[in-house]
N, C-alpha and C. Protein backbone atom coordinates (compact mmCIF):
# COMPACT_ATOMS: atom_id res chain seq x y z
N MET A 1 48.73 -124.20 65.54
CA MET A 1 47.33 -123.99 65.20
C MET A 1 46.61 -123.50 66.45
N SER A 2 45.79 -122.47 66.33
CA SER A 2 45.08 -121.95 67.48
C SER A 2 43.76 -122.70 67.66
N SER A 3 43.28 -122.68 68.88
CA SER A 3 42.02 -123.35 69.22
C SER A 3 40.85 -122.53 68.73
N PRO A 4 39.71 -123.18 68.43
CA PRO A 4 38.52 -122.42 68.08
C PRO A 4 38.12 -121.53 69.26
N MET A 5 37.52 -120.39 68.95
CA MET A 5 37.12 -119.44 69.99
C MET A 5 35.64 -119.16 69.89
N THR A 6 35.07 -118.73 70.99
CA THR A 6 33.69 -118.29 71.02
C THR A 6 33.67 -116.90 71.64
N ALA A 7 32.53 -116.26 71.65
CA ALA A 7 32.44 -114.88 72.14
C ALA A 7 31.33 -114.75 73.17
N ILE A 8 31.53 -113.81 74.08
CA ILE A 8 30.53 -113.43 75.07
C ILE A 8 30.42 -111.91 75.00
N GLU A 9 29.20 -111.42 74.94
CA GLU A 9 29.02 -109.96 74.98
C GLU A 9 28.55 -109.56 76.37
N THR A 10 29.20 -108.59 76.95
CA THR A 10 28.82 -108.06 78.25
C THR A 10 29.18 -106.59 78.30
N THR A 11 28.89 -105.95 79.38
CA THR A 11 29.21 -104.53 79.53
C THR A 11 30.10 -104.34 80.75
N GLY A 12 30.71 -103.19 80.81
CA GLY A 12 31.57 -102.88 81.93
C GLY A 12 31.96 -101.43 81.92
N THR A 13 32.92 -101.10 82.76
CA THR A 13 33.37 -99.73 82.91
C THR A 13 34.89 -99.71 82.97
N ILE A 14 35.49 -98.70 82.35
CA ILE A 14 36.91 -98.46 82.50
C ILE A 14 37.06 -97.50 83.68
N ASP A 15 37.80 -97.91 84.71
CA ASP A 15 37.92 -97.06 85.89
C ASP A 15 39.07 -96.05 85.75
N GLU A 16 39.31 -95.31 86.82
CA GLU A 16 40.34 -94.25 86.80
C GLU A 16 41.75 -94.81 86.56
N ASP A 17 41.96 -96.08 86.91
CA ASP A 17 43.26 -96.72 86.71
C ASP A 17 43.36 -97.40 85.36
N GLN A 18 42.41 -97.14 84.48
CA GLN A 18 42.33 -97.73 83.14
C GLN A 18 42.18 -99.24 83.17
N LYS A 19 41.52 -99.75 84.21
CA LYS A 19 41.24 -101.18 84.33
C LYS A 19 39.79 -101.42 83.98
N LEU A 20 39.55 -102.54 83.33
CA LEU A 20 38.20 -102.91 82.92
C LEU A 20 37.49 -103.62 84.07
N ARG A 21 36.33 -103.12 84.44
CA ARG A 21 35.49 -103.72 85.49
C ARG A 21 34.19 -104.16 84.83
N LEU A 22 33.94 -105.47 84.80
CA LEU A 22 32.74 -105.99 84.17
C LEU A 22 31.53 -105.82 85.08
N ASP A 23 30.35 -105.68 84.47
CA ASP A 23 29.12 -105.51 85.23
C ASP A 23 28.60 -106.83 85.83
N ARG A 24 29.08 -107.95 85.32
CA ARG A 24 28.64 -109.25 85.85
C ARG A 24 29.77 -110.26 85.71
N LYS A 25 29.62 -111.37 86.41
CA LYS A 25 30.62 -112.44 86.32
C LYS A 25 30.50 -113.13 84.96
N LEU A 26 31.61 -113.64 84.48
CA LEU A 26 31.61 -114.36 83.21
C LEU A 26 31.32 -115.84 83.46
N PRO A 27 30.66 -116.51 82.51
CA PRO A 27 30.34 -117.94 82.66
C PRO A 27 31.50 -118.83 82.20
N ILE A 28 32.71 -118.48 82.63
CA ILE A 28 33.90 -119.20 82.21
C ILE A 28 34.68 -119.61 83.45
N LYS A 29 35.11 -120.88 83.50
CA LYS A 29 35.94 -121.31 84.62
C LYS A 29 37.35 -120.81 84.39
N GLY A 30 37.96 -120.30 85.41
CA GLY A 30 39.32 -119.78 85.30
C GLY A 30 40.21 -120.44 86.33
N PRO A 31 41.43 -120.07 86.36
CA PRO A 31 42.02 -119.00 85.54
C PRO A 31 42.37 -119.50 84.15
N GLN A 32 42.22 -118.63 83.17
CA GLN A 32 42.66 -118.90 81.80
C GLN A 32 42.81 -117.59 81.05
N ARG A 33 43.67 -117.61 80.05
CA ARG A 33 43.89 -116.43 79.22
C ARG A 33 42.72 -116.27 78.27
N VAL A 34 42.35 -115.02 77.98
CA VAL A 34 41.29 -114.69 77.03
C VAL A 34 41.73 -113.53 76.17
N ARG A 35 41.08 -113.35 75.05
CA ARG A 35 41.28 -112.16 74.21
C ARG A 35 40.12 -111.23 74.49
N VAL A 36 40.41 -109.94 74.54
CA VAL A 36 39.38 -108.95 74.85
C VAL A 36 39.34 -107.91 73.75
N ILE A 37 38.14 -107.61 73.26
CA ILE A 37 37.92 -106.52 72.31
C ILE A 37 37.04 -105.50 73.03
N VAL A 38 37.50 -104.28 73.11
CA VAL A 38 36.75 -103.24 73.81
C VAL A 38 36.17 -102.27 72.78
N LEU A 39 34.86 -102.12 72.81
CA LEU A 39 34.17 -101.18 71.93
C LEU A 39 33.70 -100.01 72.78
N TYR A 40 34.00 -98.80 72.34
CA TYR A 40 33.58 -97.63 73.09
C TYR A 40 33.25 -96.50 72.13
N PRO A 41 32.37 -95.60 72.54
CA PRO A 41 32.01 -94.48 71.66
C PRO A 41 33.18 -93.52 71.52
N ILE A 42 33.32 -92.96 70.34
CA ILE A 42 34.40 -92.00 70.11
C ILE A 42 33.81 -90.61 69.92
N ASP A 43 34.58 -89.65 70.26
CA ASP A 43 34.19 -88.26 70.06
C ASP A 43 34.80 -87.82 68.74
N ASP A 44 33.98 -87.68 67.69
CA ASP A 44 34.48 -87.35 66.35
C ASP A 44 35.30 -86.07 66.33
N GLU A 45 35.02 -85.15 67.24
CA GLU A 45 35.74 -83.88 67.25
C GLU A 45 37.18 -84.04 67.70
N LYS A 46 37.49 -85.11 68.42
CA LYS A 46 38.83 -85.31 68.94
C LYS A 46 39.76 -86.04 67.97
N ILE A 47 39.23 -86.63 66.92
CA ILE A 47 40.05 -87.41 66.00
C ILE A 47 40.18 -86.63 64.70
N ASP A 48 41.40 -86.27 64.36
CA ASP A 48 41.59 -85.54 63.11
C ASP A 48 41.92 -86.51 61.97
N GLU A 49 41.97 -85.99 60.77
CA GLU A 49 42.16 -86.83 59.60
C GLU A 49 43.48 -87.59 59.63
N ASN A 50 44.54 -86.96 60.14
CA ASN A 50 45.84 -87.64 60.21
C ASN A 50 45.79 -88.86 61.11
N GLU A 51 45.04 -88.79 62.21
CA GLU A 51 44.90 -89.95 63.09
C GLU A 51 44.17 -91.09 62.39
N TRP A 52 43.12 -90.75 61.64
CA TRP A 52 42.39 -91.78 60.89
C TRP A 52 43.30 -92.42 59.85
N LEU A 53 44.06 -91.61 59.12
CA LEU A 53 44.95 -92.14 58.09
C LEU A 53 46.02 -93.03 58.70
N TYR A 54 46.58 -92.62 59.83
CA TYR A 54 47.60 -93.42 60.50
C TYR A 54 47.00 -94.77 60.94
N ALA A 55 45.81 -94.72 61.56
CA ALA A 55 45.17 -95.94 62.03
C ALA A 55 44.88 -96.89 60.87
N ALA A 56 44.38 -96.38 59.77
CA ALA A 56 44.06 -97.22 58.62
C ALA A 56 45.32 -97.80 57.99
N SER A 57 46.39 -97.00 57.89
CA SER A 57 47.60 -97.48 57.24
C SER A 57 48.38 -98.47 58.10
N HIS A 58 48.12 -98.51 59.40
CA HIS A 58 48.82 -99.43 60.28
C HIS A 58 47.94 -100.59 60.76
N ASN A 59 46.73 -100.68 60.23
CA ASN A 59 45.82 -101.74 60.62
C ASN A 59 46.19 -103.03 59.89
N PRO A 60 46.46 -104.11 60.61
CA PRO A 60 46.84 -105.36 59.95
C PRO A 60 45.76 -105.95 59.06
N ALA A 61 44.53 -105.47 59.16
CA ALA A 61 43.47 -105.97 58.30
C ALA A 61 43.74 -105.65 56.84
N PHE A 62 44.57 -104.63 56.58
CA PHE A 62 44.87 -104.22 55.21
C PHE A 62 46.25 -104.69 54.75
N ASP A 63 46.91 -105.56 55.50
CA ASP A 63 48.24 -106.03 55.12
C ASP A 63 48.27 -106.73 53.77
N PHE A 64 47.16 -107.34 53.37
CA PHE A 64 47.12 -108.03 52.09
C PHE A 64 47.37 -107.06 50.92
N LEU A 65 47.10 -105.78 51.11
CA LEU A 65 47.32 -104.80 50.05
C LEU A 65 48.80 -104.57 49.77
N LYS A 66 49.67 -104.99 50.68
CA LYS A 66 51.11 -104.83 50.49
C LYS A 66 51.71 -105.95 49.64
N GLU A 67 50.94 -106.99 49.36
CA GLU A 67 51.42 -108.12 48.57
C GLU A 67 51.54 -107.73 47.10
N SER A 68 52.57 -108.25 46.46
CA SER A 68 52.81 -107.90 45.05
C SER A 68 51.67 -108.36 44.14
N THR A 69 50.94 -109.39 44.54
CA THR A 69 49.81 -109.86 43.71
C THR A 69 48.68 -108.84 43.66
N GLU A 70 48.69 -107.86 44.56
CA GLU A 70 47.66 -106.82 44.55
C GLU A 70 48.00 -105.69 43.57
N ASP A 71 49.23 -105.65 43.08
CA ASP A 71 49.64 -104.61 42.13
C ASP A 71 49.24 -105.03 40.72
N ILE A 72 47.96 -104.85 40.40
CA ILE A 72 47.46 -105.31 39.10
C ILE A 72 47.27 -104.17 38.10
N TYR A 73 47.43 -102.92 38.55
CA TYR A 73 47.25 -101.78 37.67
C TYR A 73 48.56 -101.02 37.51
N THR A 74 48.69 -100.34 36.35
CA THR A 74 49.85 -99.49 36.11
C THR A 74 49.36 -98.07 35.87
N ILE A 75 50.27 -97.15 35.74
CA ILE A 75 49.93 -95.75 35.48
C ILE A 75 49.24 -95.59 34.12
N ASP A 76 49.44 -96.55 33.22
CA ASP A 76 48.85 -96.48 31.88
C ASP A 76 47.42 -97.04 31.81
N ASP A 77 46.95 -97.66 32.89
CA ASP A 77 45.59 -98.22 32.91
C ASP A 77 44.56 -97.12 33.12
N GLY A 78 43.39 -97.32 32.55
CA GLY A 78 42.28 -96.39 32.75
C GLY A 78 42.41 -95.12 31.93
N GLU A 79 41.45 -94.24 32.12
CA GLU A 79 41.43 -92.96 31.43
C GLU A 79 41.28 -91.85 32.45
N PRO A 80 41.91 -90.71 32.23
CA PRO A 80 41.78 -89.60 33.18
C PRO A 80 40.35 -89.09 33.24
N PHE A 81 39.93 -88.68 34.41
CA PHE A 81 38.60 -88.09 34.60
C PHE A 81 38.72 -86.57 34.51
N ARG A 82 37.92 -86.00 33.68
CA ARG A 82 37.91 -84.54 33.56
C ARG A 82 36.50 -84.05 33.82
N ASP A 83 36.34 -83.32 34.89
CA ASP A 83 35.04 -82.78 35.27
C ASP A 83 34.70 -81.62 34.34
N GLU A 84 33.53 -81.65 33.74
CA GLU A 84 33.15 -80.62 32.78
C GLU A 84 32.34 -79.51 33.40
N VAL A 85 32.47 -79.28 34.69
CA VAL A 85 31.70 -78.21 35.37
C VAL A 85 32.27 -76.87 35.05
């Protein structure tokens, strides 16, 4: 069983060596292991559709969709959509 966790929001910079440098000291006594989530702006022009699809299909947040209990529909369910334009 894992211990309860809390969060601290702060800012920092990724340097040339790809190391995270925080803008201020953390209010945590160390040394101790921590989990880090890094949020950064993305350049939409650099990410193509295949990268998005790969990221979504490999994201563990969607692993529940692989369970057999999620297969509740068959090819015979529903009705085909026909656009009348």
